[in-house]
C-alpha cells in the first residue's frame, strides 16, 4: 500500500464523527453565529480601513524623476563602495567639486575593503533636485573594528534631459 494513501486515510474522519460535528445544538448555534458574524465584521472592517488609508509618499516614488535621481544616488554610492574614483568624480557637479578638496575626495573614495551603504526614502527639494538620507558603513582592512556608521545626506540634481549628478557629498 502506498504510504501517502495510508497517511491520508488515517487522517480522514469516520462517518460518525462527520455527523456529530455537523450537528450543533441550539445552545451552541446561539453562540457560534454571533461569534462568526463578529469575526467576519472584524475582517471586513480591517480591509476597508486598509483600503481607505493613503499610502505614504507615493507622490515621490511614482515620480519618474525621483526614480532617476535615486538611481543616480545608488550609482554614485556603488562607485564609493568599489573605490571607483573616476566614476565618482565624473558624477559630481562643479559645485560639489568646489566644496570638496582633492584630499577629501581621495579619502572619501578610499573607504576600505568592506563597505556598505543604505539609502533612505528621499524628498523632493524642488523641481530636478532631491535629497536622500544615507548611512555609510566602512571597515578598513588591517584593523579589527569597524568605524561608526556615518549618517549624512546626498543631494542629486538634474543636469540634462536624462542626466543626474551629485551636488552634495555625504
N, C-alpha and C. Protein backbone atom coordinates (compact mmCIF):
# COMPACT_ATOMS: atom_id res chain seq x y z
N UNK A 1 0.85 -1.18 0.00
CA UNK A 1 0.00 0.00 0.00
C UNK A 1 0.89 1.24 0.00
N UNK A 2 0.51 2.22 -0.74
CA UNK A 2 1.25 3.47 -0.84
C UNK A 2 1.18 4.20 0.51
N UNK A 3 2.34 4.66 1.01
CA UNK A 3 2.37 5.29 2.33
C UNK A 3 1.59 6.61 2.36
N UNK A 4 1.53 7.33 1.23
CA UNK A 4 0.77 8.58 1.19
C UNK A 4 -0.72 8.29 1.34
N UNK A 5 -1.21 7.22 0.68
CA UNK A 5 -2.62 6.86 0.79
C UNK A 5 -2.94 6.41 2.20
N UNK A 6 -2.05 5.67 2.83
CA UNK A 6 -2.28 5.20 4.19
C UNK A 6 -2.35 6.38 5.15
N UNK A 7 -1.45 7.35 4.97
CA UNK A 7 -1.43 8.52 5.84
C UNK A 7 -2.69 9.34 5.67
N UNK A 8 -3.11 9.57 4.41
CA UNK A 8 -4.30 10.39 4.21
C UNK A 8 -5.55 9.66 4.68
N UNK A 9 -5.59 8.33 4.58
CA UNK A 9 -6.75 7.57 5.05
C UNK A 9 -6.84 7.63 6.57
N UNK A 10 -5.70 7.63 7.25
CA UNK A 10 -5.74 7.68 8.71
C UNK A 10 -6.16 9.05 9.23
N UNK A 11 -6.02 10.07 8.42
CA UNK A 11 -6.39 11.42 8.83
C UNK A 11 -7.86 11.73 8.55
N UNK A 12 -8.52 10.91 7.75
CA UNK A 12 -9.93 11.16 7.42
C UNK A 12 -10.82 10.85 8.62
N UNK A 13 -11.80 11.72 8.89
CA UNK A 13 -12.73 11.42 9.99
C UNK A 13 -13.67 10.29 9.60
N UNK A 14 -14.10 9.56 10.61
CA UNK A 14 -15.05 8.48 10.37
C UNK A 14 -16.44 9.06 10.16
N UNK A 15 -17.30 8.28 9.60
CA UNK A 15 -18.65 8.75 9.26
C UNK A 15 -19.39 9.28 10.49
N UNK A 16 -19.26 8.62 11.62
CA UNK A 16 -19.93 9.07 12.84
C UNK A 16 -19.43 10.43 13.29
N UNK A 17 -18.15 10.66 13.10
CA UNK A 17 -17.59 11.95 13.50
C UNK A 17 -18.14 13.08 12.66
N UNK A 18 -18.31 12.84 11.37
CA UNK A 18 -18.84 13.87 10.50
C UNK A 18 -20.24 14.27 10.94
N UNK A 19 -21.06 13.29 11.28
CA UNK A 19 -22.43 13.59 11.71
C UNK A 19 -22.42 14.35 13.02
N UNK A 20 -21.57 13.94 13.96
CA UNK A 20 -21.53 14.64 15.25
C UNK A 20 -21.04 16.07 15.09
N UNK A 21 -20.03 16.29 14.22
CA UNK A 21 -19.51 17.62 14.03
C UNK A 21 -20.48 18.50 13.25
N UNK A 22 -21.26 17.90 12.40
CA UNK A 22 -22.17 18.66 11.56
C UNK A 22 -23.39 19.16 12.30
N UNK A 23 -23.71 18.56 13.44
CA UNK A 23 -24.90 18.97 14.19
C UNK A 23 -24.52 19.87 15.35
N UNK A 24 -25.14 21.03 15.39
CA UNK A 24 -24.95 21.92 16.53
C UNK A 24 -26.27 22.04 17.25
N UNK A 25 -26.20 21.98 18.55
CA UNK A 25 -27.43 22.14 19.32
C UNK A 25 -27.83 23.61 19.32
N UNK A 26 -28.99 23.91 19.75
CA UNK A 26 -29.48 25.28 19.79
C UNK A 26 -28.59 26.18 20.62
N UNK A 27 -28.09 25.65 21.73
CA UNK A 27 -27.23 26.44 22.60
C UNK A 27 -25.91 26.77 21.91
N UNK A 28 -25.29 25.77 21.24
CA UNK A 28 -24.03 26.00 20.53
C UNK A 28 -24.24 26.91 19.32
N UNK A 29 -25.37 26.75 18.66
CA UNK A 29 -25.67 27.57 17.50
C UNK A 29 -25.86 29.03 17.90
N UNK A 30 -26.45 29.26 19.05
CA UNK A 30 -26.68 30.62 19.54
C UNK A 30 -25.36 31.33 19.82
N UNK A 31 -24.33 30.59 20.17
CA UNK A 31 -23.02 31.18 20.42
C UNK A 31 -22.21 31.27 19.13
N UNK A 32 -22.29 30.26 18.28
CA UNK A 32 -21.45 30.19 17.07
C UNK A 32 -21.82 31.27 16.06
N UNK A 33 -23.08 31.55 15.85
CA UNK A 33 -23.49 32.52 14.84
C UNK A 33 -23.00 33.93 15.18
N UNK A 34 -23.20 34.44 16.40
CA UNK A 34 -22.68 35.78 16.70
C UNK A 34 -21.14 35.85 16.64
N UNK A 35 -20.48 34.80 17.07
CA UNK A 35 -19.01 34.79 17.02
C UNK A 35 -18.55 34.84 15.57
N UNK A 36 -19.18 34.05 14.71
CA UNK A 36 -18.83 34.04 13.30
C UNK A 36 -19.11 35.42 12.67
N UNK A 37 -20.24 36.02 13.01
CA UNK A 37 -20.59 37.33 12.48
C UNK A 37 -19.58 38.39 12.94
N UNK A 38 -19.17 38.33 14.20
CA UNK A 38 -18.18 39.26 14.71
C UNK A 38 -16.84 39.09 14.00
N UNK A 39 -16.44 37.85 13.77
CA UNK A 39 -15.18 37.56 13.08
C UNK A 39 -15.22 38.13 11.65
N UNK A 40 -16.30 37.92 10.91
CA UNK A 40 -16.43 38.43 9.54
C UNK A 40 -16.43 39.95 9.54
N UNK A 41 -17.13 40.57 10.48
CA UNK A 41 -17.17 42.03 10.56
C UNK A 41 -15.78 42.61 10.84
N UNK A 42 -15.03 41.95 11.70
CA UNK A 42 -13.67 42.40 12.02
C UNK A 42 -12.78 42.35 10.78
N UNK A 43 -12.84 41.26 10.06
CA UNK A 43 -12.02 41.11 8.84
C UNK A 43 -12.41 42.17 7.81
N UNK A 44 -13.69 42.38 7.59
CA UNK A 44 -14.15 43.36 6.61
C UNK A 44 -13.78 44.78 7.00
N UNK A 45 -13.90 45.13 8.28
CA UNK A 45 -13.57 46.49 8.70
C UNK A 45 -12.07 46.75 8.59
N UNK A 46 -11.26 45.76 8.88
CA UNK A 46 -9.81 45.92 8.72
C UNK A 46 -9.46 46.11 7.25
N UNK A 47 -10.15 45.39 6.38
CA UNK A 47 -9.89 45.51 4.95
C UNK A 47 -10.29 46.88 4.44
N UNK A 48 -11.43 47.40 4.88
CA UNK A 48 -11.90 48.72 4.45
C UNK A 48 -10.97 49.80 4.99
N UNK A 49 -10.53 49.66 6.24
CA UNK A 49 -9.62 50.66 6.82
C UNK A 49 -8.31 50.70 6.06
N UNK A 50 -7.79 49.54 5.70
CA UNK A 50 -6.52 49.49 4.94
C UNK A 50 -6.71 50.07 3.55
N UNK A 51 -7.86 49.84 2.96
CA UNK A 51 -8.12 50.33 1.61
C UNK A 51 -8.23 51.86 1.58
N UNK A 52 -8.79 52.45 2.63
CA UNK A 52 -9.00 53.88 2.67
C UNK A 52 -7.80 54.66 3.19
N UNK A 53 -6.82 53.98 3.76
CA UNK A 53 -5.64 54.65 4.30
C UNK A 53 -4.72 55.06 3.15
N UNK A 54 -4.30 56.31 3.09
CA UNK A 54 -3.41 56.73 2.00
C UNK A 54 -2.03 56.11 2.17
N UNK A 55 -1.40 55.77 1.08
CA UNK A 55 -0.06 55.21 1.12
C UNK A 55 0.94 56.34 1.34
N UNK A 56 1.99 56.10 2.13
CA UNK A 56 2.95 57.17 2.41
C UNK A 56 3.80 57.52 1.21
N UNK A 57 3.92 58.79 0.94
CA UNK A 57 4.84 59.34 -0.06
C UNK A 57 4.79 58.69 -1.43
N UNK A 58 3.61 58.31 -1.86
CA UNK A 58 3.51 57.74 -3.20
C UNK A 58 3.84 58.78 -4.26
N UNK A 59 3.65 60.05 -3.92
CA UNK A 59 3.89 61.10 -4.91
C UNK A 59 5.35 61.13 -5.34
N UNK A 60 6.29 60.84 -4.43
CA UNK A 60 7.70 60.86 -4.83
C UNK A 60 8.11 59.56 -5.50
N UNK A 61 7.68 58.42 -4.96
CA UNK A 61 8.16 57.16 -5.51
C UNK A 61 7.54 56.83 -6.86
N UNK A 62 6.41 57.43 -7.20
CA UNK A 62 5.82 57.19 -8.52
C UNK A 62 6.27 58.24 -9.53
N UNK A 63 7.05 59.22 -9.09
CA UNK A 63 7.57 60.28 -9.94
C UNK A 63 8.78 59.74 -10.70
N UNK A 64 8.75 59.74 -12.05
CA UNK A 64 9.89 59.22 -12.81
C UNK A 64 11.20 59.95 -12.50
N UNK A 65 11.13 61.24 -12.21
CA UNK A 65 12.33 61.99 -11.87
C UNK A 65 12.92 61.50 -10.55
N UNK A 66 12.05 61.17 -9.58
CA UNK A 66 12.51 60.64 -8.29
C UNK A 66 13.27 59.34 -8.51
N UNK A 67 12.71 58.47 -9.33
CA UNK A 67 13.34 57.17 -9.59
C UNK A 67 14.70 57.36 -10.26
N UNK A 68 14.79 58.29 -11.21
CA UNK A 68 16.07 58.58 -11.88
C UNK A 68 17.09 59.15 -10.89
N UNK A 69 16.65 60.04 -10.02
CA UNK A 69 17.55 60.63 -9.02
C UNK A 69 18.03 59.56 -8.04
N UNK A 70 17.14 58.69 -7.62
CA UNK A 70 17.51 57.59 -6.72
C UNK A 70 18.52 56.66 -7.38
N UNK A 71 18.31 56.39 -8.65
CA UNK A 71 19.24 55.55 -9.40
C UNK A 71 20.62 56.18 -9.48
N UNK A 72 20.68 57.49 -9.69
CA UNK A 72 21.97 58.20 -9.73
C UNK A 72 22.66 58.14 -8.38
N UNK A 73 21.90 58.33 -7.30
CA UNK A 73 22.48 58.25 -5.96
C UNK A 73 23.05 56.85 -5.72
N UNK A 74 22.32 55.85 -6.15
CA UNK A 74 22.78 54.47 -5.99
C UNK A 74 24.07 54.21 -6.78
N UNK A 75 24.13 54.70 -8.04
CA UNK A 75 25.34 54.51 -8.86
C UNK A 75 26.55 55.20 -8.22
N UNK A 76 26.33 56.39 -7.68
CA UNK A 76 27.42 57.12 -7.03
C UNK A 76 27.93 56.35 -5.81
N UNK A 77 27.01 55.86 -4.99
CA UNK A 77 27.43 55.12 -3.79
C UNK A 77 28.05 53.77 -4.15
N UNK A 78 27.65 53.18 -5.27
CA UNK A 78 28.33 51.97 -5.73
C UNK A 78 29.77 52.30 -6.12
N UNK A 79 29.99 53.45 -6.73
CA UNK A 79 31.35 53.88 -7.07
C UNK A 79 32.16 54.05 -5.78
N UNK A 80 31.55 54.64 -4.76
CA UNK A 80 32.22 54.79 -3.47
C UNK A 80 32.57 53.42 -2.89
N UNK A 81 31.60 52.52 -2.93
CA UNK A 81 31.80 51.18 -2.36
C UNK A 81 32.92 50.43 -3.09
N UNK A 82 33.00 50.60 -4.40
CA UNK A 82 34.00 49.90 -5.21
C UNK A 82 35.32 50.67 -5.33
N UNK A 83 35.41 51.80 -4.63
CA UNK A 83 36.58 52.67 -4.67
C UNK A 83 36.90 53.10 -6.11
N UNK A 84 35.85 53.37 -6.87
CA UNK A 84 35.97 53.78 -8.27
C UNK A 84 36.01 55.31 -8.33
N UNK A 85 37.19 55.87 -8.13
CA UNK A 85 37.37 57.32 -8.08
C UNK A 85 36.88 57.98 -9.36
N UNK A 86 37.23 57.41 -10.49
CA UNK A 86 36.91 58.04 -11.78
C UNK A 86 35.40 58.20 -11.98
N UNK A 87 34.65 57.11 -11.77
CA UNK A 87 33.19 57.18 -11.94
C UNK A 87 32.58 58.16 -10.94
N UNK A 88 33.03 58.10 -9.70
CA UNK A 88 32.50 59.00 -8.67
C UNK A 88 32.77 60.46 -9.01
N UNK A 89 33.97 60.77 -9.44
CA UNK A 89 34.30 62.16 -9.77
C UNK A 89 33.52 62.66 -10.98
N UNK A 90 33.29 61.78 -11.95
CA UNK A 90 32.52 62.18 -13.13
C UNK A 90 31.07 62.50 -12.79
N UNK A 91 30.57 61.94 -11.70
CA UNK A 91 29.18 62.16 -11.31
C UNK A 91 28.98 63.42 -10.47
N UNK A 92 30.05 64.10 -10.09
CA UNK A 92 29.93 65.29 -9.24
C UNK A 92 29.69 66.54 -10.08
N UNK A 93 28.86 67.43 -9.56
CA UNK A 93 28.68 68.74 -10.20
C UNK A 93 29.90 69.60 -9.89
N UNK A 94 30.06 70.69 -10.62
CA UNK A 94 31.15 71.62 -10.35
C UNK A 94 31.04 72.19 -8.94
N UNK A 95 29.83 72.44 -8.49
CA UNK A 95 29.60 72.96 -7.14
C UNK A 95 30.13 71.98 -6.09
N UNK A 96 29.82 70.71 -6.25
CA UNK A 96 30.28 69.69 -5.30
C UNK A 96 31.80 69.60 -5.31
N UNK A 97 32.39 69.68 -6.49
CA UNK A 97 33.86 69.63 -6.59
C UNK A 97 34.50 70.83 -5.91
N UNK A 98 33.88 72.01 -6.05
CA UNK A 98 34.42 73.22 -5.45
C UNK A 98 34.36 73.19 -3.92
N UNK A 99 33.34 72.49 -3.38
CA UNK A 99 33.17 72.42 -1.93
C UNK A 99 33.97 71.29 -1.30
N UNK A 100 34.69 70.52 -2.10
CA UNK A 100 35.48 69.41 -1.57
C UNK A 100 36.90 69.49 -2.10
N UNK A 101 37.84 69.38 -1.21
CA UNK A 101 39.23 69.41 -1.63
C UNK A 101 39.59 68.07 -2.28
N UNK A 102 40.67 68.07 -3.04
CA UNK A 102 41.13 66.83 -3.67
C UNK A 102 41.48 65.78 -2.61
N UNK A 103 42.06 66.23 -1.49
CA UNK A 103 42.41 65.30 -0.41
C UNK A 103 41.15 64.66 0.19
N UNK A 104 40.12 65.48 0.39
CA UNK A 104 38.87 64.93 0.95
C UNK A 104 38.25 63.92 -0.01
N UNK A 105 38.26 64.21 -1.30
CA UNK A 105 37.71 63.27 -2.27
C UNK A 105 38.52 61.98 -2.31
N UNK A 106 39.83 62.10 -2.20
CA UNK A 106 40.70 60.92 -2.18
C UNK A 106 40.38 60.03 -0.98
N UNK A 107 40.24 60.65 0.19
CA UNK A 107 39.91 59.90 1.40
C UNK A 107 38.51 59.30 1.29
N UNK A 108 37.57 60.06 0.74
CA UNK A 108 36.20 59.57 0.61
C UNK A 108 36.14 58.30 -0.25
N UNK A 109 36.83 58.29 -1.38
CA UNK A 109 36.78 57.13 -2.27
C UNK A 109 37.75 56.03 -1.88
N UNK A 110 38.52 56.22 -0.83
CA UNK A 110 39.42 55.18 -0.32
C UNK A 110 38.86 54.69 1.01
N UNK A 111 37.64 54.24 0.98
CA UNK A 111 36.91 53.95 2.21
C UNK A 111 37.28 52.63 2.88
N UNK A 112 37.96 51.76 2.20
CA UNK A 112 38.33 50.48 2.81
C UNK A 112 37.80 49.32 1.99
N UNK A 113 38.16 48.14 2.44
CA UNK A 113 37.82 46.95 1.65
C UNK A 113 36.37 46.49 1.82
N UNK A 114 35.85 46.58 3.01
CA UNK A 114 34.47 46.16 3.27
C UNK A 114 33.61 47.37 3.57
N UNK A 115 32.79 47.75 2.62
CA UNK A 115 31.93 48.91 2.81
C UNK A 115 30.51 48.56 2.40
N UNK A 116 29.59 49.32 2.92
CA UNK A 116 28.18 49.15 2.56
C UNK A 116 27.50 50.50 2.78
N UNK A 117 26.31 50.61 2.23
CA UNK A 117 25.56 51.85 2.39
C UNK A 117 24.08 51.54 2.42
N UNK A 118 23.33 52.47 3.00
CA UNK A 118 21.87 52.42 3.00
C UNK A 118 21.38 53.75 2.46
N UNK A 119 20.39 53.69 1.60
CA UNK A 119 19.73 54.90 1.11
C UNK A 119 18.30 54.87 1.63
N UNK A 120 17.91 55.92 2.33
CA UNK A 120 16.54 56.01 2.84
C UNK A 120 15.66 56.76 1.83
N UNK A 121 14.36 56.80 2.10
CA UNK A 121 13.42 57.48 1.22
C UNK A 121 13.81 58.95 1.09
N UNK A 122 13.92 59.39 -0.13
CA UNK A 122 14.31 60.77 -0.40
C UNK A 122 13.14 61.72 -0.42
N UNK A 123 13.47 62.99 -0.58
CA UNK A 123 12.42 64.00 -0.68
C UNK A 123 12.79 64.97 -1.79
N UNK A 124 11.77 65.48 -2.41
CA UNK A 124 11.95 66.46 -3.48
C UNK A 124 12.17 67.82 -2.84
N UNK A 125 13.31 68.43 -3.15
CA UNK A 125 13.59 69.75 -2.62
C UNK A 125 12.94 70.82 -3.50
N UNK A 126 13.06 70.64 -4.80
CA UNK A 126 12.39 71.45 -5.80
C UNK A 126 12.51 70.69 -7.11
N UNK A 127 11.96 71.21 -8.18
CA UNK A 127 12.00 70.51 -9.46
C UNK A 127 13.43 70.18 -9.84
N UNK A 128 13.70 68.90 -10.08
CA UNK A 128 15.02 68.47 -10.51
C UNK A 128 16.07 68.41 -9.40
N UNK A 129 15.63 68.39 -8.15
CA UNK A 129 16.57 68.36 -7.02
C UNK A 129 15.98 67.50 -5.89
N UNK A 130 16.71 66.44 -5.52
CA UNK A 130 16.25 65.51 -4.50
C UNK A 130 17.33 65.28 -3.46
N UNK A 131 16.92 65.08 -2.22
CA UNK A 131 17.85 64.77 -1.14
C UNK A 131 17.52 63.37 -0.61
N UNK A 132 18.57 62.58 -0.39
CA UNK A 132 18.41 61.22 0.13
C UNK A 132 19.27 61.05 1.38
N UNK A 133 18.64 60.70 2.51
CA UNK A 133 19.45 60.37 3.69
C UNK A 133 20.22 59.07 3.41
N UNK A 134 21.47 59.04 3.77
CA UNK A 134 22.30 57.85 3.55
C UNK A 134 23.06 57.53 4.84
N UNK A 135 23.40 56.27 4.98
CA UNK A 135 24.28 55.81 6.04
C UNK A 135 25.39 55.03 5.38
N UNK A 136 26.64 55.41 5.68
CA UNK A 136 27.81 54.74 5.10
C UNK A 136 28.47 53.90 6.18
N UNK A 137 28.80 52.66 5.83
CA UNK A 137 29.48 51.74 6.72
C UNK A 137 30.82 51.40 6.09
N UNK A 138 31.90 51.60 6.83
CA UNK A 138 33.23 51.31 6.28
C UNK A 138 34.02 50.48 7.27
N UNK A 139 34.67 49.44 6.77
CA UNK A 139 35.55 48.60 7.56
C UNK A 139 36.90 48.63 6.88
N UNK A 140 37.88 49.15 7.55
CA UNK A 140 39.22 49.28 6.96
C UNK A 140 40.01 48.01 7.24
N UNK A 141 40.54 47.42 6.17
CA UNK A 141 41.32 46.20 6.33
C UNK A 141 42.57 46.49 7.17
N UNK A 142 42.98 45.49 7.91
CA UNK A 142 44.14 45.66 8.78
C UNK A 142 43.76 46.07 10.18
N UNK A 143 42.49 46.41 10.40
CA UNK A 143 42.03 46.74 11.75
C UNK A 143 40.99 45.71 12.16
N UNK A 144 40.73 45.62 13.44
CA UNK A 144 39.78 44.63 13.92
C UNK A 144 38.42 45.23 14.23
N UNK A 145 38.30 46.53 14.16
CA UNK A 145 37.00 47.12 14.48
C UNK A 145 36.49 47.96 13.31
N UNK A 146 35.19 48.10 13.28
CA UNK A 146 34.57 48.91 12.25
C UNK A 146 34.41 50.33 12.76
N UNK A 147 34.39 51.26 11.84
CA UNK A 147 34.11 52.63 12.21
C UNK A 147 32.62 52.77 12.48
N UNK A 148 32.25 53.84 13.12
CA UNK A 148 30.84 54.09 13.36
C UNK A 148 30.15 54.42 12.04
N UNK A 149 28.92 53.97 11.87
CA UNK A 149 28.20 54.33 10.65
C UNK A 149 28.12 55.85 10.53
N UNK A 150 28.32 56.34 9.34
CA UNK A 150 28.28 57.78 9.09
C UNK A 150 26.94 58.12 8.45
N UNK A 151 26.12 58.86 9.17
CA UNK A 151 24.83 59.30 8.63
C UNK A 151 25.01 60.66 7.98
N UNK A 152 24.44 60.78 6.79
CA UNK A 152 24.59 62.02 6.06
C UNK A 152 23.45 62.15 5.06
N UNK A 153 23.65 63.02 4.11
CA UNK A 153 22.64 63.25 3.08
C UNK A 153 23.36 63.47 1.75
N UNK A 154 22.77 62.95 0.70
CA UNK A 154 23.31 63.14 -0.64
C UNK A 154 22.25 63.91 -1.43
N UNK A 155 22.67 64.92 -2.17
CA UNK A 155 21.74 65.72 -2.97
C UNK A 155 22.04 65.45 -4.44
N UNK A 156 20.99 65.11 -5.17
CA UNK A 156 21.10 64.77 -6.59
C UNK A 156 20.32 65.82 -7.38
N UNK A 157 20.94 66.32 -8.47
CA UNK A 157 20.30 67.35 -9.30
C UNK A 157 20.26 66.90 -10.75
N UNK A 158 19.24 67.36 -11.44
CA UNK A 158 19.12 67.10 -12.88
C UNK A 158 20.05 68.07 -13.61
N UNK A 159 20.89 67.51 -14.49
CA UNK A 159 21.83 68.35 -15.24
C UNK A 159 21.52 68.35 -16.73
N UNK A 160 20.62 67.52 -17.14
CA UNK A 160 20.23 67.42 -18.54
C UNK A 160 18.93 66.64 -18.63
N UNK A 161 18.50 66.32 -19.84
CA UNK A 161 17.22 65.63 -20.00
C UNK A 161 17.15 64.35 -19.18
N UNK A 162 18.09 63.46 -19.36
CA UNK A 162 18.13 62.22 -18.59
C UNK A 162 19.43 62.08 -17.82
N UNK A 163 19.99 63.20 -17.41
CA UNK A 163 21.29 63.18 -16.72
C UNK A 163 21.13 63.74 -15.32
N UNK A 164 21.77 63.06 -14.38
CA UNK A 164 21.72 63.46 -12.99
C UNK A 164 23.14 63.49 -12.44
N UNK A 165 23.38 64.37 -11.48
CA UNK A 165 24.70 64.49 -10.87
C UNK A 165 24.55 64.70 -9.36
N UNK A 166 25.64 64.46 -8.68
CA UNK A 166 25.68 64.61 -7.21
C UNK A 166 26.11 66.04 -6.90
N UNK A 167 25.26 66.78 -6.19
CA UNK A 167 25.55 68.17 -5.89
C UNK A 167 26.05 68.36 -4.46
N UNK A 168 25.81 67.35 -3.61
CA UNK A 168 26.31 67.41 -2.23
C UNK A 168 26.73 66.01 -1.84
N UNK A 169 27.99 65.89 -1.43
CA UNK A 169 28.52 64.60 -0.99
C UNK A 169 28.01 64.24 0.39
N UNK A 170 27.95 62.95 0.67
CA UNK A 170 27.58 62.54 2.03
C UNK A 170 28.66 62.88 3.03
